[in-house]
Protein backbone atom coordinates (compact mmCIF):
# COMPACT_ATOMS: atom_id res chain seq x y z
CA UNK A 1 146.29 69.11 78.58
CA UNK A 2 149.58 69.48 81.06
CA UNK A 3 151.08 66.61 82.44
CA UNK A 4 153.05 66.37 85.72
CA UNK A 5 155.68 63.66 86.55
CA UNK A 6 154.55 61.85 89.70
CA UNK A 7 156.63 58.81 91.81
CA UNK A 8 154.79 55.85 92.18
CA UNK A 9 156.16 53.26 95.01
CA UNK A 10 155.25 49.37 94.05
CA UNK A 11 156.23 45.84 94.94
CA UNK A 12 158.52 44.53 92.52
CA UNK A 13 156.17 41.76 91.40
CA UNK A 14 153.70 44.10 90.55
CA UNK A 15 155.84 46.45 88.81
CA UNK A 16 156.26 43.33 86.31
CA UNK A 17 152.72 42.71 86.09
CA UNK A 18 152.01 46.02 85.13
CA UNK A 19 154.55 46.16 82.99
CA UNK A 20 153.33 42.59 81.34
CA UNK A 21 149.76 44.42 80.63
CA UNK A 22 150.83 47.64 79.35
CA UNK A 23 152.60 45.64 76.63
CA UNK A 24 149.94 42.80 75.90
CA UNK A 25 147.31 46.54 75.64
CA UNK A 26 150.08 48.45 73.37
CA UNK A 27 150.44 50.86 75.93
CA UNK A 28 153.08 52.49 78.43
CA UNK A 29 153.17 52.01 82.24
CA UNK A 30 151.99 55.85 82.43
CA UNK A 31 149.13 55.43 79.72
CA UNK A 32 147.55 52.25 81.53
CA UNK A 33 147.39 53.91 85.11
CA UNK A 34 145.82 57.24 83.09
CA UNK A 35 143.44 54.85 82.05
CA UNK A 36 142.68 53.34 85.28
CA UNK A 37 142.54 56.39 87.09
CA UNK A 38 140.45 58.15 84.86
CA UNK A 39 137.66 55.31 84.88
CA UNK A 40 138.20 55.74 88.86
CA UNK A 41 137.46 59.68 88.85
CA UNK A 42 134.89 59.55 86.05
CA UNK A 43 131.63 58.91 88.91
CA UNK A 44 133.15 61.49 91.11
CA UNK A 45 132.72 64.17 88.28
CA UNK A 46 129.30 65.69 88.96
CA UNK A 47 128.72 66.54 85.04
CA UNK A 48 129.57 62.45 84.56
CA UNK A 49 126.89 61.13 86.86
CA UNK A 50 124.13 63.38 85.24
CA UNK A 51 124.90 62.68 81.39
CA UNK A 52 124.93 58.51 82.70
CA UNK A 53 121.16 59.96 84.82
CA UNK A 54 120.11 61.88 81.31
CA UNK A 55 120.80 58.80 79.31
CA UNK A 56 119.55 56.50 80.97
CA UNK A 57 116.13 58.52 80.87
CA UNK A 58 115.92 58.44 77.09
CA UNK A 59 116.87 55.27 76.85
CA UNK A 60 113.71 54.02 78.90
CA UNK A 61 111.26 56.70 77.28
CA UNK A 62 108.66 59.21 79.69
CA UNK A 63 105.23 58.13 80.00
CA UNK A 64 102.89 60.64 78.41
CA UNK A 65 100.07 59.14 79.30
CA UNK A 66 98.40 57.20 75.95
CA UNK A 67 99.20 53.88 77.38
CA UNK A 68 101.00 53.06 74.08
CA UNK A 69 98.09 54.24 72.51
CA UNK A 70 97.78 57.57 69.50
CA UNK A 71 94.50 59.45 70.24
CA UNK A 72 95.02 61.38 66.77
CA UNK A 73 97.08 61.11 63.67
CA UNK A 74 99.36 64.49 62.95
CA UNK A 75 97.06 65.13 60.69
CA UNK A 76 94.00 64.95 62.69
CA UNK A 77 95.94 67.52 65.82
CA UNK A 78 96.71 69.95 63.16
CA UNK A 79 93.48 70.23 61.51
CA UNK A 80 94.88 68.70 57.74
């Protein structure tokens, strides 16, 4: 992925806290900001939103109208 440099102005005290947080997480300020901004932008991504909805539906399952009861065995359904 191509990257571009940007200039960000932060209060001196906040910058110190950001440096400490990045060091604790074993990353750079740039890496920390990239991760935080990616998390902030991801919900706006239509593909990401559709994926979350699909995974929720998959986890929940679908009602097939059997009320959780198997009306017939697989063998019976396939005349075996």
